[in-house]
Amino acid sequence: MASKEPDQEHREDEDAAPAEEEDTGAQIAPIIKLEEVAVSTGEENEDPILDLKSKLYRFDKEGNQWKERGAGTVKLLKHKETGKVRLVMRQSKTLKICANHLVLPTMTVQEHAGNDKSCLWHASDYADGELKDELFCIRFASVENCKTFMQKFQEVAESQKPKEENKDASAAAGLLEKLSVDEKKTEDKAGEEKKETEATEKADSEKKDGEAASST
C-alpha cells in the first residue's frame, strides 16, 4: 500500500480539530520575586503649580543657532518650606532633565517674535550639573498654553520680590532696634555715672564743710 504524500498528510492534520488543553490546576511560582523599589524624583518636598507639555530649545552661541533640548513636560515647583519656585523640565521618554533652575525676581519672560506659541527667557541653568547662563525658548501646542506659562512664570518671579524686600526690611528694622537699645543703655549708663559723680561731689563738699566747722 502506497504511503501518503507529505502534502496530503499536512492537509489532513490541518483539517483535524485541535485537541483542548487539559487544565491540571497546577500553579507555577515565579523563579525570581521582584521587590518594589521606591524611586526618589527630588520633587517630594515641592508642590506643582504648573504642568504643561512643551518642546524646549536653547541658543547655541558658538553655532549661532537654536538647538532642541527636548520634548516633555515643563513644571513650576514650589518648595513647601522655603517657598522658592524652580522650573524643571524632563524629556517624556527618557526623563532626562532638560532644564532645572530657580525662578528669580530679576527674571522676565517675553514672546518669541513671529511665533505666538513660543516665549523666551534667560536663566542660570543647572540641568547639566553645573550652572550655565542659558537663553531658552519654549514652544507649546497652543497659544493659550503659552500665555498661561508666561503669566504664571511672571507671577512667580514677582512673588519672590516682596520676600526679598521684606527680608531686607526686617534686617534693617532689627539693626535699628538694636541701635536704639544700645543707645538707651548708653544713656542710662551715662545718667547713672552722672548721679554717682554728683553724689560723690556732694559728699566731699559736706565733708569739707564739716572739717571747717570743727576747726572753728
Protein backbone atom coordinates (compact mmCIF):
# COMPACT_ATOMS: atom_id res chain seq x y z
CA MET A 1 0.00 0.00 0.00
CA ALA A 2 1.42 3.33 -1.04
CA SER A 3 2.22 5.83 1.72
CA LYS A 4 0.51 9.22 1.89
CA GLU A 5 2.32 12.14 0.37
CA PRO A 6 3.65 14.87 2.77
CA ASP A 7 1.28 17.46 1.34
CA GLN A 8 -1.76 15.25 1.84
CA GLU A 9 -0.71 14.38 5.41
CA HIS A 10 -0.24 18.07 6.16
CA ARG A 11 -3.73 18.88 4.87
CA GLU A 12 -5.28 16.12 6.98
CA ASP A 13 -3.51 17.43 10.08
CA GLU A 14 -4.87 20.95 9.41
CA ASP A 15 -8.41 19.62 8.95
CA ALA A 16 -8.30 17.73 12.24
CA ALA A 17 -9.83 19.62 15.18
CA PRO A 18 -7.21 20.77 17.69
CA ALA A 19 -7.31 18.96 21.00
CA GLU A 20 -8.32 21.04 24.02
CA GLU A 21 -5.58 21.70 26.54
CA GLU A 22 -6.10 19.89 29.80
CA ASP A 23 -6.23 22.12 32.88
CA THR A 24 -4.14 20.41 35.55
CA GLY A 25 -4.82 23.13 38.14
CA ALA A 26 -1.11 23.42 38.92
CA GLN A 27 0.24 26.87 39.85
CA ILE A 28 3.75 27.79 38.81
CA ALA A 29 5.52 30.15 41.18
CA PRO A 30 7.84 32.78 39.70
CA ILE A 31 11.50 31.92 39.88
CA ILE A 32 12.55 35.43 40.91
CA LYS A 33 10.48 37.68 43.16
CA LEU A 34 10.91 41.36 42.36
CA GLU A 35 10.62 43.77 45.26
CA GLU A 36 9.11 47.20 44.84
CA VAL A 37 11.78 49.89 44.99
CA ALA A 38 10.95 53.47 45.95
CA VAL A 39 12.36 55.89 43.39
CA SER A 40 13.12 59.44 44.51
CA THR A 41 12.42 62.17 41.98
CA GLY A 42 13.73 65.02 44.12
CA GLU A 43 10.30 66.66 43.94
CA GLU A 44 8.81 65.13 47.10
CA ASN A 45 9.06 68.40 49.09
CA GLU A 46 7.60 70.53 46.29
CA ASP A 47 4.08 71.28 45.08
CA PRO A 48 3.46 71.66 41.32
CA ILE A 49 1.82 74.95 40.39
CA LEU A 50 2.16 74.44 36.61
CA ASP A 51 2.40 71.34 34.43
CA LEU A 52 2.34 71.68 30.62
CA LYS A 53 3.59 69.66 27.66
CA SER A 54 6.07 71.54 25.50
CA LYS A 55 9.28 71.48 23.49
CA LEU A 56 12.39 73.27 24.76
CA TYR A 57 15.25 74.86 22.81
CA ARG A 58 18.49 76.51 23.91
CA PHE A 59 20.51 79.05 21.95
CA ASP A 60 23.94 77.81 20.90
CA LYS A 61 26.21 80.86 20.99
CA GLU A 62 29.07 79.17 19.15
CA GLY A 63 26.89 77.93 16.29
CA ASN A 64 24.64 81.00 16.48
CA GLN A 65 21.52 78.83 16.21
CA TRP A 66 18.72 77.26 18.24
CA LYS A 67 19.14 73.63 19.27
CA GLU A 68 16.40 71.37 20.55
CA ARG A 69 16.86 70.43 24.21
CA GLY A 70 13.96 68.01 24.48
CA ALA A 71 10.19 67.47 24.38
CA GLY A 72 8.27 66.69 27.53
CA THR A 73 6.55 68.33 30.49
CA VAL A 74 7.61 71.66 31.96
CA LYS A 75 6.79 72.21 35.64
CA LEU A 76 6.92 75.05 38.12
CA LEU A 77 7.52 73.54 41.57
CA LYS A 78 7.12 75.44 44.85
CA HIS A 79 9.10 74.22 47.86
CA LYS A 80 6.86 73.51 50.85
CA GLU A 81 9.23 75.06 53.41
CA THR A 82 11.26 77.78 51.69
CA GLY A 83 8.57 78.92 49.25
CA LYS A 84 11.15 79.10 46.46
CA VAL A 85 9.99 78.09 42.98
CA ARG A 86 12.05 76.30 40.36
CA LEU A 87 11.44 75.38 36.75
CA VAL A 88 12.02 71.74 35.88
CA MET A 89 11.56 70.02 32.53
CA ARG A 90 12.20 66.37 31.68
CA GLN A 91 12.13 64.52 28.36
CA SER A 92 8.93 62.49 28.05
CA LYS A 93 10.53 59.08 27.36
CA THR A 94 13.95 59.11 28.98
CA LEU A 95 13.02 61.52 31.84
CA LYS A 96 16.37 63.23 31.30
CA ILE A 97 16.41 66.75 32.74
CA CYS A 98 16.26 69.45 30.06
CA ALA A 99 16.05 72.46 32.37
CA ASN A 100 16.44 72.98 36.10
CA HIS A 101 16.71 76.47 37.62
CA LEU A 102 15.15 78.76 40.22
CA VAL A 103 12.67 81.42 39.14
CA LEU A 104 14.21 84.63 40.48
CA PRO A 105 12.62 88.08 40.90
CA THR A 106 15.01 89.52 38.29
CA MET A 107 13.77 87.16 35.55
CA THR A 108 11.40 88.16 32.77
CA VAL A 109 9.75 86.11 30.03
CA GLN A 110 8.82 87.53 26.64
CA GLU A 111 7.07 86.39 23.48
CA HIS A 112 9.10 84.99 20.60
CA ALA A 113 8.89 87.35 17.64
CA GLY A 114 6.79 85.81 14.88
CA ASN A 115 5.53 82.84 16.92
CA ASP A 116 2.78 83.39 19.48
CA LYS A 117 3.10 79.80 20.74
CA SER A 118 6.68 80.37 21.94
CA CYS A 119 8.43 82.54 24.51
CA LEU A 120 12.00 83.30 25.68
CA TRP A 121 13.86 83.85 28.94
CA HIS A 122 17.39 83.87 30.40
CA ALA A 123 18.41 81.67 33.34
CA SER A 124 21.38 80.22 35.20
CA ASP A 125 20.52 76.59 34.50
CA TYR A 126 21.73 73.51 36.40
CA ALA A 127 20.45 70.74 34.09
CA ASP A 128 23.98 69.56 33.22
CA GLY A 129 25.21 69.52 36.81
CA GLU A 130 26.84 72.96 36.68
CA LEU A 131 25.47 76.48 36.42
CA LYS A 132 25.33 77.77 32.86
CA ASP A 133 23.89 81.01 31.56
CA GLU A 134 21.29 79.90 29.01
CA LEU A 135 18.81 81.56 26.68
CA PHE A 136 15.79 79.27 26.49
CA CYS A 137 12.91 79.15 24.02
CA ILE A 138 9.88 77.01 24.80
CA ARG A 139 7.10 76.13 22.35
CA PHE A 140 3.61 74.93 23.24
CA ALA A 141 0.85 73.25 21.26
CA SER A 142 -1.48 76.23 21.67
CA VAL A 143 -1.39 79.97 22.18
CA GLU A 144 -3.42 79.55 25.37
CA ASN A 145 -0.81 77.28 26.95
CA CYS A 146 1.95 79.72 26.05
CA LYS A 147 0.06 82.60 27.64
CA THR A 148 -0.65 80.50 30.74
CA PHE A 149 3.04 79.70 31.09
CA MET A 150 4.13 83.31 30.64
CA GLN A 151 1.55 84.60 33.11
CA LYS A 152 2.40 82.06 35.80
CA PHE A 153 6.16 82.49 35.26
CA GLN A 154 5.85 86.27 35.68
CA GLU A 155 3.59 85.91 38.73
CA VAL A 156 6.12 83.64 40.40
CA ALA A 157 9.03 85.98 39.62
CA GLU A 158 7.15 88.94 41.07
CA SER A 159 6.01 86.95 44.11
CA GLN A 160 9.65 86.45 45.07
CA LYS A 161 10.32 90.21 45.24
CA PRO A 162 8.35 91.05 48.40
CA LYS A 163 10.01 88.20 50.27
CA GLU A 164 13.46 89.54 49.46
CA GLU A 165 12.40 93.12 50.21
CA ASN A 166 10.69 92.11 53.46
CA LYS A 167 13.77 90.17 54.45
CA ASP A 168 15.96 93.23 53.90
CA ALA A 169 13.43 95.46 55.65
CA SER A 170 13.27 93.11 58.64
CA ALA A 171 17.05 93.03 58.83
CA ALA A 172 17.19 96.84 58.70
CA ALA A 173 14.45 97.14 61.33
CA GLY A 174 16.30 94.70 63.55
CA LEU A 175 19.50 96.69 63.18
CA LEU A 176 17.73 99.94 64.03
CA GLU A 177 16.10 98.35 67.05
CA LYS A 178 19.47 97.06 68.23
CA LEU A 179 21.00 100.52 67.81
CA SER A 180 18.13 102.07 69.74
CA VAL A 181 18.57 99.59 72.59
CA ASP A 182 22.33 100.19 72.65
CA GLU A 183 21.79 103.97 72.68
CA LYS A 184 19.31 103.67 75.55
CA LYS A 185 21.76 101.53 77.50
CA THR A 186 24.49 104.11 76.89
CA GLU A 187 22.22 106.96 78.04
CA ASP A 188 21.16 105.07 81.16
CA LYS A 189 24.79 104.29 81.98
CA ALA A 190 25.75 107.93 81.48
CA GLY A 191 22.90 109.01 83.76
CA GLU A 192 23.97 106.62 86.48
CA GLU A 193 27.57 107.79 86.24
CA LYS A 194 26.40 111.41 86.46
CA LYS A 195 24.38 110.65 89.60
CA GLU A 196 27.33 108.86 91.16
CA THR A 197 29.59 111.83 90.38
CA GLU A 198 27.10 114.30 91.85
CA ALA A 199 26.70 112.16 94.95
CA THR A 200 30.48 111.93 95.37
CA GLU A 201 30.91 115.68 94.91
CA LYS A 202 28.13 116.34 97.43
CA ALA A 203 29.70 114.00 99.97
CA ASP A 204 33.08 115.65 99.51
CA SER A 205 31.53 119.09 99.93
CA GLU A 206 29.73 118.08 103.12
CA LYS A 207 32.92 116.56 104.46
CA LYS A 208 34.87 119.73 103.82
CA ASP A 209 32.15 121.83 105.46
CA GLY A 210 32.25 119.53 108.48
CA GLU A 211 36.02 119.78 108.78
CA ALA A 212 35.84 123.58 108.53
CA ALA A 213 33.24 123.74 111.27
CA SER A 214 35.31 121.51 113.57
CA SER A 215 38.44 123.63 113.15
CA THR A 216 36.47 126.73 114.07
